[in-house]
N, C-alpha and C. Protein backbone atom coordinates (compact mmCIF):
# COMPACT_ATOMS: atom_id res chain seq x y z
N MET A 1 0.24 17.49 5.53
CA MET A 1 1.38 16.70 4.82
C MET A 1 0.68 15.57 3.92
N LYS A 2 0.94 15.61 2.90
CA LYS A 2 0.39 14.64 1.83
C LYS A 2 1.12 13.77 1.39
N GLY A 3 2.52 13.87 1.65
CA GLY A 3 3.30 13.03 0.98
C GLY A 3 4.19 13.59 -0.53
N GLY A 4 3.43 14.48 -0.87
CA GLY A 4 3.92 14.99 -2.19
C GLY A 4 5.50 15.39 -2.22
N ARG A 5 6.03 15.30 -3.59
CA ARG A 5 7.25 15.57 -3.79
C ARG A 5 7.66 17.33 -3.11
N GLY A 6 8.98 17.36 -2.66
CA GLY A 6 8.98 18.72 -2.11
C GLY A 6 8.55 18.97 -1.01
N ALA A 7 7.72 18.12 -0.33
CA ALA A 7 7.01 18.50 0.84
C ALA A 7 8.12 19.04 2.08
N ALA A 8 7.56 20.07 2.76
CA ALA A 8 8.40 20.77 3.95
C ALA A 8 8.32 19.62 5.11
N PRO A 9 9.45 19.52 5.55
CA PRO A 9 9.77 18.52 6.95
C PRO A 9 8.85 19.10 8.07
N PRO A 10 8.14 18.10 8.90
CA PRO A 10 7.38 18.62 10.02
C PRO A 10 7.79 19.56 11.02
N SER A 11 7.04 20.62 11.65
CA SER A 11 7.48 21.70 12.32
C SER A 11 7.80 21.01 13.72
N ARG A 12 8.44 21.61 14.60
CA ARG A 12 8.53 21.20 15.76
C ARG A 12 7.77 21.73 16.70
N ALA A 13 7.05 21.23 17.50
CA ALA A 13 5.95 21.73 18.56
C ALA A 13 6.59 21.82 20.10
N ALA A 14 6.22 22.45 20.98
CA ALA A 14 6.71 22.73 22.29
C ALA A 14 6.77 21.24 22.69
N ALA A 15 7.90 21.04 23.43
CA ALA A 15 8.41 19.75 24.25
C ALA A 15 7.33 19.17 25.22
N VAL A 16 7.08 17.92 25.05
CA VAL A 16 6.34 17.45 25.88
C VAL A 16 6.81 16.81 27.19
N THR A 17 6.51 16.73 28.34
CA THR A 17 7.31 16.39 29.67
C THR A 17 6.46 14.91 30.00
N VAL A 18 6.90 13.88 29.85
CA VAL A 18 6.30 12.66 30.48
C VAL A 18 6.76 12.60 32.16
N LYS A 19 5.60 12.22 32.65
CA LYS A 19 5.59 12.14 33.88
C LYS A 19 5.84 10.76 34.58
N THR A 20 6.90 10.62 35.47
CA THR A 20 7.18 9.40 35.85
C THR A 20 5.75 8.37 36.35
N ALA A 21 5.79 7.19 35.98
CA ALA A 21 4.92 6.24 36.31
C ALA A 21 5.29 5.02 36.84
N ARG A 22 4.97 4.66 37.89
CA ARG A 22 5.38 3.35 38.55
C ARG A 22 4.88 2.25 37.48
N GLY A 23 6.17 1.34 37.50
CA GLY A 23 6.18 0.26 36.87
C GLY A 23 6.59 0.67 35.34
N ARG A 24 6.71 1.98 35.09
CA ARG A 24 7.31 2.18 33.72
C ARG A 24 9.08 2.07 34.05
N SER A 25 9.76 1.62 33.43
CA SER A 25 11.32 1.50 33.17
C SER A 25 11.68 2.70 32.63
N THR A 26 12.85 3.11 32.99
CA THR A 26 13.86 4.07 32.51
C THR A 26 13.37 4.08 30.83
N ALA A 27 13.96 2.94 30.48
CA ALA A 27 13.97 2.97 28.81
C ALA A 27 12.53 3.19 28.40
N SER A 28 11.49 2.82 28.96
CA SER A 28 10.12 2.82 28.24
C SER A 28 9.68 4.26 28.64
N GLN A 29 10.15 4.82 29.95
CA GLN A 29 9.96 6.70 29.75
C GLN A 29 10.65 7.37 28.72
N ALA A 30 12.25 6.95 28.53
CA ALA A 30 12.70 7.66 27.42
C ALA A 30 11.88 7.19 26.15
N TRP A 31 11.56 6.37 25.88
CA TRP A 31 10.87 5.78 24.44
C TRP A 31 9.63 6.86 24.45
N LEU A 32 8.78 6.86 25.39
CA LEU A 32 7.58 7.30 25.36
C LEU A 32 8.01 8.92 25.17
N SER A 33 8.70 9.71 25.76
CA SER A 33 9.24 11.07 25.67
C SER A 33 9.68 11.16 24.14
N ARG A 34 10.17 10.52 23.85
CA ARG A 34 10.72 10.33 22.18
C ARG A 34 9.79 10.16 21.47
N GLN A 35 8.75 9.64 21.50
CA GLN A 35 7.77 9.51 20.79
C GLN A 35 6.68 10.67 20.71
N LEU A 36 6.58 11.23 21.79
CA LEU A 36 5.71 12.37 22.03
C LEU A 36 6.34 13.62 21.41
N ASN A 37 7.40 13.69 21.45
CA ASN A 37 8.34 14.84 21.05
C ASN A 37 8.70 14.69 19.75
N ASP A 38 8.60 13.76 19.01
CA ASP A 38 9.26 13.43 17.53
C ASP A 38 7.79 14.20 16.70
N PRO A 39 8.43 15.27 15.79
CA PRO A 39 7.38 15.94 14.79
C PRO A 39 7.25 14.90 13.65
N TYR A 40 7.77 13.82 13.28
CA TYR A 40 7.43 12.93 12.15
C TYR A 40 6.55 11.84 12.80
N VAL A 41 6.50 11.78 14.15
CA VAL A 41 5.50 10.70 14.76
C VAL A 41 4.07 11.54 14.67
N ARG A 42 3.90 12.89 14.90
CA ARG A 42 3.03 13.57 15.06
C ARG A 42 2.38 13.64 13.35
N ALA A 43 3.12 14.13 12.51
CA ALA A 43 3.12 14.30 11.24
C ALA A 43 2.18 13.16 10.64
N ALA A 44 2.99 11.77 10.80
CA ALA A 44 2.65 10.65 10.23
C ALA A 44 1.16 10.31 10.62
N LYS A 45 0.60 10.52 11.95
CA LYS A 45 -0.73 10.34 12.49
C LYS A 45 -1.70 11.35 11.69
N GLN A 46 -1.20 12.68 11.50
CA GLN A 46 -2.24 13.56 10.89
C GLN A 46 -2.37 13.23 9.20
N ALA A 47 -1.27 12.71 8.71
CA ALA A 47 -1.58 12.39 7.23
C ALA A 47 -1.81 10.96 7.27
N GLY A 48 -2.37 10.26 8.17
CA GLY A 48 -2.64 8.92 7.78
C GLY A 48 -1.62 7.64 7.57
N TRP A 49 -0.38 8.34 7.72
CA TRP A 49 0.65 7.16 7.55
C TRP A 49 0.79 6.24 8.78
N ARG A 50 1.00 4.89 8.41
CA ARG A 50 1.16 3.87 9.66
C ARG A 50 2.34 4.15 10.33
N SER A 51 3.32 4.68 9.75
CA SER A 51 4.61 4.77 10.84
C SER A 51 5.11 6.15 10.37
N ARG A 52 5.99 6.44 11.07
CA ARG A 52 7.00 7.62 10.86
C ARG A 52 8.15 7.45 9.73
N ALA A 53 8.18 6.09 9.50
CA ALA A 53 9.35 5.60 8.50
C ALA A 53 8.61 6.12 6.96
N ALA A 54 7.37 6.30 6.97
CA ALA A 54 6.85 6.57 5.60
C ALA A 54 7.76 8.00 5.02
N PHE A 55 7.85 8.66 6.04
CA PHE A 55 8.81 10.29 5.65
C PHE A 55 10.11 9.80 5.10
N LYS A 56 10.82 8.61 5.42
CA LYS A 56 12.01 8.23 4.88
C LYS A 56 12.04 7.90 3.45
N LEU A 57 11.09 7.20 3.01
CA LEU A 57 10.79 6.91 1.78
C LEU A 57 10.37 8.20 1.02
N ILE A 58 9.17 8.86 1.51
CA ILE A 58 9.28 10.11 0.67
C ILE A 58 10.32 11.00 0.32
N GLU A 59 11.61 11.05 1.50
CA GLU A 59 12.63 11.99 1.30
C GLU A 59 13.51 11.29 0.40
N LEU A 60 13.39 10.09 0.49
CA LEU A 60 14.26 9.36 -0.42
C LEU A 60 13.91 9.55 -1.82
N ASP A 61 12.83 9.24 -2.10
CA ASP A 61 12.22 9.39 -3.32
C ASP A 61 12.34 11.00 -3.98
N ASP A 62 11.87 11.87 -3.07
CA ASP A 62 12.19 13.27 -3.68
C ASP A 62 13.65 13.67 -4.00
N ARG A 63 14.48 12.81 -3.45
CA ARG A 63 16.04 13.07 -3.88
C ARG A 63 16.44 12.19 -4.78
N PHE A 64 15.65 10.89 -5.15
CA PHE A 64 16.51 10.09 -6.21
C PHE A 64 15.32 9.73 -7.32
N GLY A 65 14.25 10.34 -7.25
CA GLY A 65 13.10 9.99 -8.14
C GLY A 65 12.84 8.52 -8.04
N LEU A 66 12.68 7.42 -7.33
CA LEU A 66 12.84 6.32 -7.14
C LEU A 66 11.49 5.75 -7.69
N ILE A 67 10.15 6.30 -7.36
CA ILE A 67 9.18 5.91 -7.72
C ILE A 67 8.12 6.71 -8.86
N ARG A 68 7.70 6.19 -9.89
CA ARG A 68 6.99 7.02 -10.91
C ARG A 68 5.95 6.21 -11.20
N PRO A 69 4.79 7.06 -11.68
CA PRO A 69 3.46 6.53 -11.89
C PRO A 69 3.53 5.43 -12.94
N GLY A 70 2.71 4.40 -12.77
CA GLY A 70 2.74 3.09 -13.49
C GLY A 70 3.80 2.10 -13.13
N MET A 71 4.67 2.65 -12.12
CA MET A 71 5.56 1.17 -11.68
C MET A 71 4.92 -0.06 -10.81
N ARG A 72 5.85 -1.24 -11.05
CA ARG A 72 5.20 -2.04 -10.22
C ARG A 72 6.48 -2.16 -9.01
N VAL A 73 6.02 -2.21 -7.72
CA VAL A 73 6.88 -2.13 -6.59
C VAL A 73 6.49 -3.32 -5.69
N ALA A 74 8.00 -3.83 -5.30
CA ALA A 74 7.84 -4.87 -4.24
C ALA A 74 8.43 -4.25 -3.09
N ASP A 75 7.53 -4.41 -1.86
CA ASP A 75 8.21 -3.80 -0.44
C ASP A 75 8.36 -5.15 0.47
N LEU A 76 9.69 -5.19 0.68
CA LEU A 76 10.08 -6.41 1.38
C LEU A 76 9.99 -6.07 2.97
N GLY A 77 9.46 -6.86 3.91
CA GLY A 77 9.51 -6.68 5.30
C GLY A 77 8.45 -5.45 5.33
N ALA A 78 7.12 -5.40 4.86
CA ALA A 78 6.32 -4.29 4.80
C ALA A 78 5.81 -3.88 5.92
N ALA A 79 5.77 -4.67 6.66
CA ALA A 79 4.77 -4.28 8.22
C ALA A 79 5.46 -2.86 8.80
N PRO A 80 4.61 -2.11 9.27
CA PRO A 80 3.39 -2.19 9.15
C PRO A 80 2.32 -1.47 8.08
N GLY A 81 3.38 -1.19 7.19
CA GLY A 81 2.63 -0.84 5.57
C GLY A 81 3.02 0.61 5.52
N GLY A 82 3.78 1.53 6.06
CA GLY A 82 4.12 2.95 5.91
C GLY A 82 4.63 2.96 4.22
N TRP A 83 5.69 2.22 4.09
CA TRP A 83 6.15 2.46 2.65
C TRP A 83 5.51 1.76 1.44
N THR A 84 4.61 0.76 1.86
CA THR A 84 3.73 0.38 1.01
C THR A 84 2.74 1.39 0.74
N GLN A 85 2.18 2.26 1.62
CA GLN A 85 1.33 3.24 1.53
C GLN A 85 1.79 4.49 0.55
N VAL A 86 3.32 4.83 1.09
CA VAL A 86 3.93 5.87 -0.07
C VAL A 86 3.91 5.41 -1.45
N ALA A 87 4.39 4.50 -1.80
CA ALA A 87 4.55 3.86 -3.07
C ALA A 87 2.93 3.65 -3.88
N VAL A 88 2.17 3.47 -3.20
CA VAL A 88 0.63 3.61 -3.83
C VAL A 88 0.52 5.11 -4.11
N ARG A 89 0.54 5.98 -3.00
CA ARG A 89 0.07 7.42 -3.03
C ARG A 89 1.07 8.05 -4.01
N ARG A 90 2.50 7.73 -4.45
CA ARG A 90 3.33 8.25 -5.36
C ARG A 90 3.00 7.86 -6.86
N GLY A 91 1.83 6.87 -6.93
CA GLY A 91 1.65 6.53 -8.23
C GLY A 91 1.67 5.16 -8.98
N ALA A 92 2.37 4.15 -8.02
CA ALA A 92 2.91 3.13 -8.63
C ALA A 92 1.45 2.47 -9.03
N ALA A 93 1.55 1.61 -10.15
CA ALA A 93 0.26 0.85 -10.71
C ALA A 93 0.29 -0.11 -9.73
N ARG A 94 1.17 -1.05 -9.70
CA ARG A 94 0.95 -2.35 -8.48
C ARG A 94 1.93 -2.40 -7.37
N VAL A 95 1.45 -2.62 -6.36
CA VAL A 95 2.18 -2.63 -5.10
C VAL A 95 1.85 -3.70 -4.39
N VAL A 96 3.03 -4.46 -4.07
CA VAL A 96 3.06 -5.71 -3.36
C VAL A 96 3.96 -5.60 -2.17
N GLY A 97 3.55 -5.80 -1.06
CA GLY A 97 4.16 -5.96 0.60
C GLY A 97 4.19 -7.14 0.95
N VAL A 98 5.37 -7.79 1.11
CA VAL A 98 5.72 -8.90 1.71
C VAL A 98 6.42 -9.16 3.00
N ASP A 99 5.49 -9.80 3.89
CA ASP A 99 6.18 -9.56 5.43
C ASP A 99 5.79 -11.36 5.83
N LEU A 100 6.54 -11.53 7.07
CA LEU A 100 6.32 -12.91 7.47
C LEU A 100 5.02 -12.44 8.59
N LEU A 101 4.62 -11.25 8.95
CA LEU A 101 3.64 -11.16 9.70
C LEU A 101 2.37 -10.74 8.85
N PRO A 102 1.18 -10.69 9.48
CA PRO A 102 -0.07 -10.50 8.75
C PRO A 102 -0.14 -8.75 8.93
N VAL A 103 -0.19 -8.02 7.79
CA VAL A 103 -0.54 -6.61 7.84
C VAL A 103 -1.80 -6.25 7.33
N ASP A 104 -2.34 -5.54 8.15
CA ASP A 104 -3.79 -4.73 7.78
C ASP A 104 -3.85 -4.27 6.01
N PRO A 105 -4.60 -4.57 5.49
CA PRO A 105 -4.90 -4.47 4.04
C PRO A 105 -4.69 -2.86 3.58
N VAL A 106 -3.87 -2.60 2.76
CA VAL A 106 -3.55 -1.25 2.32
C VAL A 106 -4.06 -0.95 1.01
N PRO A 107 -4.98 0.04 0.94
CA PRO A 107 -5.89 0.07 -0.27
C PRO A 107 -4.60 0.48 -1.58
N GLY A 108 -5.26 -0.19 -2.68
CA GLY A 108 -4.29 0.02 -3.76
C GLY A 108 -3.25 -0.86 -3.71
N ALA A 109 -2.95 -1.89 -2.74
CA ALA A 109 -1.70 -2.55 -2.77
C ALA A 109 -2.45 -3.89 -2.45
N THR A 110 -1.46 -5.03 -2.84
CA THR A 110 -1.58 -6.42 -2.43
C THR A 110 -0.53 -6.79 -0.95
N MET A 111 -1.22 -7.22 0.24
CA MET A 111 -0.27 -7.86 1.11
C MET A 111 -0.11 -9.32 0.94
N LEU A 112 1.18 -9.70 0.88
CA LEU A 112 1.43 -11.10 0.81
C LEU A 112 2.20 -11.61 2.01
N GLN A 113 1.52 -12.32 2.81
CA GLN A 113 2.30 -13.04 4.21
C GLN A 113 3.19 -14.16 3.77
N ALA A 114 4.32 -13.89 3.96
CA ALA A 114 5.43 -15.02 3.41
C ALA A 114 6.75 -14.66 3.73
N ASP A 115 7.66 -15.61 3.67
CA ASP A 115 8.97 -15.37 4.02
C ASP A 115 9.52 -15.20 2.45
N PHE A 116 10.07 -14.02 2.31
CA PHE A 116 10.60 -13.51 0.96
C PHE A 116 11.74 -14.60 0.40
N THR A 117 12.30 -15.14 1.16
CA THR A 117 13.59 -16.05 0.93
C THR A 117 13.35 -17.28 0.45
N SER A 118 11.66 -17.36 0.44
CA SER A 118 11.32 -18.78 0.23
C SER A 118 11.48 -18.82 -1.45
N GLY A 119 11.64 -20.19 -1.90
CA GLY A 119 11.92 -19.99 -3.40
C GLY A 119 10.80 -19.68 -4.35
N ASP A 120 9.43 -20.02 -3.83
CA ASP A 120 8.53 -19.80 -4.61
C ASP A 120 7.96 -18.32 -4.69
N VAL A 121 8.37 -17.46 -3.77
CA VAL A 121 8.03 -16.12 -3.65
C VAL A 121 8.10 -15.31 -4.62
N PRO A 122 9.31 -15.47 -5.27
CA PRO A 122 9.70 -14.57 -6.57
C PRO A 122 8.51 -14.84 -7.56
N ASP A 123 8.31 -15.67 -7.94
CA ASP A 123 7.08 -16.20 -8.92
C ASP A 123 5.73 -15.84 -8.45
N GLN A 124 5.28 -15.89 -7.19
CA GLN A 124 4.10 -15.28 -6.53
C GLN A 124 4.16 -13.86 -6.77
N LEU A 125 5.19 -13.15 -6.63
CA LEU A 125 5.36 -11.73 -6.61
C LEU A 125 5.06 -11.13 -8.19
N ALA A 126 5.86 -11.98 -9.25
CA ALA A 126 5.55 -11.48 -10.62
C ALA A 126 4.25 -11.88 -10.80
N SER A 127 3.61 -13.10 -10.35
CA SER A 127 2.06 -12.91 -10.91
C SER A 127 1.27 -11.81 -10.21
N LEU A 128 1.66 -11.63 -9.10
CA LEU A 128 0.77 -10.40 -8.28
C LEU A 128 0.96 -9.15 -9.01
N LEU A 129 2.44 -8.94 -9.43
CA LEU A 129 2.60 -7.65 -10.13
C LEU A 129 2.39 -7.65 -11.45
N GLY A 130 2.36 -8.77 -12.14
CA GLY A 130 1.64 -8.93 -13.55
C GLY A 130 3.13 -8.70 -14.49
N GLY A 131 4.30 -8.71 -13.55
CA GLY A 131 5.46 -8.91 -14.52
C GLY A 131 6.63 -8.77 -13.48
N ALA A 132 7.87 -8.35 -13.97
CA ALA A 132 8.82 -8.00 -13.17
C ALA A 132 8.85 -6.74 -12.59
N ALA A 133 9.48 -6.56 -11.29
CA ALA A 133 9.38 -5.44 -10.37
C ALA A 133 10.26 -4.39 -10.91
N ASP A 134 9.69 -3.11 -10.82
CA ASP A 134 10.53 -1.79 -11.36
C ASP A 134 11.45 -1.42 -10.43
N ILE A 135 10.78 -1.51 -8.89
CA ILE A 135 11.84 -1.41 -7.75
C ILE A 135 11.51 -2.30 -6.77
N VAL A 136 12.82 -2.96 -5.82
CA VAL A 136 12.41 -3.54 -4.94
C VAL A 136 12.71 -2.60 -3.46
N LEU A 137 11.80 -2.64 -2.56
CA LEU A 137 12.12 -1.93 -1.12
C LEU A 137 12.31 -2.88 -0.03
N SER A 138 13.60 -2.08 0.82
CA SER A 138 13.63 -2.69 1.87
C SER A 138 14.00 -1.97 2.98
N ASP A 139 12.97 -1.88 4.08
CA ASP A 139 13.47 -1.13 5.27
C ASP A 139 13.72 -1.98 6.27
N MET A 140 14.03 -3.41 6.03
CA MET A 140 13.89 -4.19 7.32
C MET A 140 15.24 -3.86 8.11
N ALA A 141 14.95 -4.37 9.36
CA ALA A 141 16.39 -4.55 10.31
C ALA A 141 15.89 -5.29 11.15
N PRO A 142 17.04 -6.05 11.74
CA PRO A 142 16.82 -7.09 12.60
C PRO A 142 16.87 -6.39 14.04
N ASN A 143 16.22 -7.36 15.14
CA ASN A 143 16.17 -6.96 16.51
C ASN A 143 17.48 -6.66 16.96
N THR A 144 17.81 -5.44 17.49
CA THR A 144 19.06 -4.89 17.74
C THR A 144 19.63 -5.73 19.15
N THR A 145 20.98 -6.08 19.39
CA THR A 145 21.49 -6.64 20.46
C THR A 145 22.21 -5.15 21.40
N GLY A 146 22.50 -4.28 20.63
CA GLY A 146 23.29 -3.27 21.38
C GLY A 146 24.72 -3.37 21.19
N HIS A 147 25.15 -4.69 20.57
CA HIS A 147 26.55 -4.79 20.19
C HIS A 147 26.70 -4.58 18.72
N ALA A 148 27.37 -3.49 18.66
CA ALA A 148 27.47 -2.89 17.14
C ALA A 148 27.96 -3.95 16.12
N GLY A 149 28.99 -4.64 16.31
CA GLY A 149 29.23 -5.80 15.30
C GLY A 149 28.41 -6.65 15.17
N THR A 150 27.57 -7.39 16.30
CA THR A 150 26.72 -8.41 15.65
C THR A 150 25.50 -7.49 15.14
N ASP A 151 25.14 -6.43 15.29
CA ASP A 151 23.85 -5.88 14.86
C ASP A 151 24.29 -5.53 13.38
N HIS A 152 25.50 -5.43 12.93
CA HIS A 152 26.02 -4.90 11.45
C HIS A 152 25.63 -6.12 10.90
N LEU A 153 26.33 -7.38 11.53
CA LEU A 153 26.34 -8.46 10.73
C LEU A 153 24.86 -8.79 10.65
N ARG A 154 23.87 -8.63 11.23
CA ARG A 154 22.84 -9.22 11.24
C ARG A 154 21.94 -8.12 10.25
N ILE A 155 22.18 -7.00 9.97
CA ILE A 155 21.34 -6.23 9.03
C ILE A 155 21.99 -6.77 7.79
N MET A 156 23.32 -6.79 7.49
CA MET A 156 23.93 -6.84 6.36
C MET A 156 23.61 -8.10 5.65
N ALA A 157 23.10 -9.39 6.51
CA ALA A 157 22.44 -10.62 6.19
C ALA A 157 21.31 -10.40 5.44
N LEU A 158 20.30 -9.43 5.92
CA LEU A 158 19.30 -9.25 5.41
C LEU A 158 19.21 -8.34 4.27
N ALA A 159 20.42 -7.52 4.34
CA ALA A 159 20.39 -6.48 2.93
C ALA A 159 20.74 -7.62 1.75
N GLU A 160 21.91 -8.36 2.16
CA GLU A 160 22.32 -9.24 1.10
C GLU A 160 21.01 -10.45 0.66
N ALA A 161 20.38 -10.75 1.48
CA ALA A 161 18.85 -11.56 1.12
C ALA A 161 18.20 -10.71 0.28
N ALA A 162 17.92 -9.30 0.59
CA ALA A 162 17.09 -8.39 -0.19
C ALA A 162 17.43 -8.08 -1.54
N PHE A 163 18.98 -8.05 -1.67
CA PHE A 163 19.75 -8.04 -3.10
C PHE A 163 19.35 -9.08 -4.02
N HIS A 164 19.58 -10.29 -3.39
CA HIS A 164 19.52 -11.67 -4.01
C HIS A 164 18.16 -11.68 -4.76
N PHE A 165 16.94 -11.15 -3.95
CA PHE A 165 15.58 -11.23 -4.15
C PHE A 165 15.59 -10.35 -5.44
N ALA A 166 16.29 -8.99 -5.15
CA ALA A 166 15.85 -8.12 -6.39
C ALA A 166 16.66 -8.48 -7.71
N GLN A 167 17.84 -9.20 -7.63
CA GLN A 167 18.35 -9.70 -8.92
C GLN A 167 17.36 -10.69 -9.57
N ALA A 168 16.72 -11.53 -8.65
CA ALA A 168 15.79 -12.52 -9.03
C ALA A 168 14.47 -11.71 -9.68
N THR A 169 13.77 -10.57 -9.22
CA THR A 169 12.68 -10.11 -9.53
C THR A 169 12.58 -8.76 -10.31
N LEU A 170 13.91 -7.99 -10.36
CA LEU A 170 13.68 -6.73 -10.95
C LEU A 170 13.91 -6.73 -12.63
N ALA A 171 13.17 -5.78 -13.17
CA ALA A 171 13.27 -5.64 -14.52
C ALA A 171 14.47 -4.77 -14.73
N PRO A 172 15.20 -4.98 -16.42
CA PRO A 172 16.30 -4.06 -16.67
C PRO A 172 16.05 -2.85 -16.41
N GLY A 173 16.85 -2.00 -15.61
CA GLY A 173 16.76 -0.45 -15.47
C GLY A 173 16.03 -0.26 -14.14
N GLY A 174 15.60 -1.27 -13.28
CA GLY A 174 15.15 -1.31 -12.40
C GLY A 174 15.98 -0.62 -10.90
N GLY A 175 15.29 -0.28 -9.99
CA GLY A 175 15.79 0.13 -8.59
C GLY A 175 16.06 -0.87 -7.51
N PHE A 176 16.64 -0.63 -6.36
CA PHE A 176 16.62 -1.61 -5.22
C PHE A 176 17.15 -0.11 -4.08
N VAL A 177 16.29 -0.37 -3.01
CA VAL A 177 16.64 0.42 -1.90
C VAL A 177 16.77 -0.77 -0.79
N THR A 178 17.73 -0.42 0.20
CA THR A 178 17.74 -1.32 1.22
C THR A 178 18.37 -0.48 2.44
N LYS A 179 18.17 -1.04 3.67
CA LYS A 179 18.77 -0.36 4.94
C LYS A 179 19.78 -1.06 5.40
N VAL A 180 20.78 -0.37 5.86
CA VAL A 180 22.27 -0.88 6.51
C VAL A 180 22.34 0.17 7.67
N PHE A 181 23.47 -0.30 8.32
CA PHE A 181 23.66 0.40 9.64
C PHE A 181 25.36 1.09 9.38
N GLN A 182 25.38 2.31 9.75
CA GLN A 182 26.85 2.89 9.53
C GLN A 182 27.86 2.01 10.04
N GLY A 183 28.97 1.98 9.55
CA GLY A 183 30.08 1.06 9.58
C GLY A 183 30.52 0.50 8.43
N GLY A 184 29.66 0.74 7.23
CA GLY A 184 30.07 0.60 6.19
C GLY A 184 29.41 -0.66 5.39
N SER A 185 28.69 -0.67 4.22
CA SER A 185 28.32 -1.69 3.74
C SER A 185 29.42 -2.72 3.72
N GLU A 186 29.10 -4.06 3.47
CA GLU A 186 30.12 -5.13 2.97
C GLU A 186 30.77 -4.91 1.81
N ARG A 187 32.09 -5.00 1.68
CA ARG A 187 32.70 -4.80 0.46
C ARG A 187 31.99 -5.71 -0.99
N ASP A 188 32.16 -6.80 -0.40
CA ASP A 188 31.60 -7.86 -1.36
C ASP A 188 30.07 -7.23 -2.02
N LEU A 189 29.19 -6.94 -0.88
CA LEU A 189 27.97 -6.82 -1.35
C LEU A 189 27.98 -5.42 -2.30
N LEU A 190 28.80 -4.47 -1.82
CA LEU A 190 28.92 -3.41 -2.74
C LEU A 190 29.29 -3.49 -4.15
N LEU A 191 30.56 -4.29 -4.41
CA LEU A 191 30.87 -4.42 -5.19
C LEU A 191 29.94 -5.28 -6.31
N ALA A 192 29.23 -6.03 -5.85
CA ALA A 192 28.21 -6.87 -6.70
C ALA A 192 26.98 -5.81 -7.10
N MET A 193 26.49 -5.00 -6.08
CA MET A 193 25.53 -4.05 -6.69
C MET A 193 26.13 -2.94 -7.57
N LYS A 194 27.35 -2.42 -7.20
CA LYS A 194 28.02 -1.63 -8.64
C LYS A 194 27.99 -2.41 -9.70
N ARG A 195 28.36 -3.71 -9.70
CA ARG A 195 28.25 -4.45 -10.74
C ARG A 195 27.06 -4.58 -11.75
N ASP A 196 26.07 -4.56 -10.88
CA ASP A 196 24.72 -4.74 -11.23
C ASP A 196 23.93 -3.59 -11.47
N PHE A 197 24.40 -2.50 -11.04
CA PHE A 197 23.38 -1.23 -11.08
C PHE A 197 24.35 -0.03 -11.82
N ALA A 198 23.82 0.69 -12.52
CA ALA A 198 24.29 2.02 -13.24
C ALA A 198 24.68 2.93 -12.05
N THR A 199 24.20 2.92 -10.84
CA THR A 199 24.75 4.14 -9.86
C THR A 199 24.27 3.29 -8.34
N VAL A 200 25.36 3.39 -7.33
CA VAL A 200 24.92 2.90 -6.03
C VAL A 200 25.18 4.03 -5.02
N ARG A 201 24.31 4.38 -4.15
CA ARG A 201 24.67 5.68 -3.59
C ARG A 201 24.04 5.21 -1.98
N HIS A 202 24.92 5.84 -0.87
CA HIS A 202 24.35 5.93 0.39
C HIS A 202 23.77 7.06 0.88
N ALA A 203 22.76 7.12 1.51
CA ALA A 203 21.95 8.20 1.88
C ALA A 203 21.40 8.06 3.11
N LYS A 204 21.24 9.27 4.09
CA LYS A 204 20.51 9.17 5.40
C LYS A 204 19.39 10.22 5.35
N PRO A 205 18.21 10.09 5.11
CA PRO A 205 17.20 11.06 4.95
C PRO A 205 16.93 11.66 6.37
N PRO A 206 16.45 12.95 6.18
CA PRO A 206 16.34 13.63 7.47
C PRO A 206 15.34 12.88 8.53
N ALA A 207 14.63 12.31 8.00
CA ALA A 207 13.54 11.31 8.97
C ALA A 207 14.16 10.55 9.70
N SER A 208 15.45 10.07 9.24
CA SER A 208 16.28 9.15 10.23
C SER A 208 16.64 9.91 11.48
N ARG A 209 16.51 9.47 12.42
CA ARG A 209 16.71 10.00 13.90
C ARG A 209 18.32 10.17 13.78
N LYS A 210 18.77 11.34 14.45
CA LYS A 210 20.13 11.65 14.34
C LYS A 210 21.18 10.50 14.91
N GLU A 211 20.22 10.01 16.18
CA GLU A 211 21.34 9.11 16.98
C GLU A 211 21.14 7.85 16.47
N SER A 212 20.35 7.84 15.41
CA SER A 212 20.29 6.22 14.73
C SER A 212 21.37 5.75 13.65
N SER A 213 22.09 4.65 13.84
CA SER A 213 23.11 4.44 12.66
C SER A 213 22.39 4.14 11.58
N GLU A 214 21.42 3.94 11.15
CA GLU A 214 20.92 3.46 9.95
C GLU A 214 21.48 4.32 8.63
N LEU A 215 21.62 3.68 7.52
CA LEU A 215 21.72 4.49 6.36
C LEU A 215 21.02 3.61 5.31
N TYR A 216 20.77 4.30 3.94
CA TYR A 216 20.20 3.69 3.08
C TYR A 216 20.93 3.42 1.91
N VAL A 217 20.96 2.18 1.16
CA VAL A 217 21.67 2.10 -0.01
C VAL A 217 20.74 2.07 -1.18
N VAL A 218 20.90 3.09 -2.03
CA VAL A 218 20.10 3.41 -3.11
C VAL A 218 20.85 2.87 -4.25
N ALA A 219 20.44 2.09 -5.25
CA ALA A 219 20.69 1.31 -6.31
C ALA A 219 19.79 1.67 -7.67
N GLN A 220 20.20 2.54 -8.63
CA GLN A 220 19.20 2.51 -9.61
C GLN A 220 19.88 2.21 -11.04
N GLY A 221 19.13 1.81 -11.99
CA GLY A 221 19.64 1.29 -13.38
C GLY A 221 20.24 -0.07 -13.48
N TYR A 222 19.05 -1.00 -13.17
CA TYR A 222 19.45 -2.56 -12.83
C TYR A 222 20.05 -2.87 -14.27
N ARG A 223 21.13 -3.71 -14.30
CA ARG A 223 21.66 -4.22 -15.26
C ARG A 223 22.05 -6.05 -15.13
N PRO A 224 20.90 -6.73 -15.65
CA PRO A 224 21.09 -8.17 -15.47
C PRO A 224 22.58 -8.51 -16.07
N GLY A 225 22.96 -9.62 -15.19
CA GLY A 225 24.29 -10.34 -15.85
C GLY A 225 23.76 -11.23 -16.92
């Protein structure tokens, strides 16, 4: 799996049974079993992706044509770097990953350790990209509490912050992708995005686990106000 357009999804191998170990909680046991039996986890390791999440962007890009050769790409909440890798491998000319945490270097990209909501980050990004971004990507999600209402509010706050960042950094005609949880994007955010972009669509890529409530909002054709 090279991440090329139209790539087939990973195939499933025989299920691996995880033996019970002393000191391992039931939740840890379930997580380990899921990881060992996840074809996307295996395929990510084989292809050199830093996380299985890389396939989500690959599938979104295959569907919507998000990343084109020569583009300038900003990846918010970039750690551990999987989406940044995809942007580079798919031909983006300049890619900047932004995260509060330090991220190991990604060949062909610049990793900026910073809070993207800080007022000086848009200017730093423009300097590193050599101009306005052609697309802003955000796969950020909060630490979940298990309470659907609280988790929804938390991820919507991140999505809104990413949208405001996109408004400050995107070139006309640019794109924006952000993660939300099922339950619907907030009406005000969707209305604002529909005002500023030619198209706004929801998508759940095949690599997103079926039990996950995550969705992605894909906005294209930025029209600055």
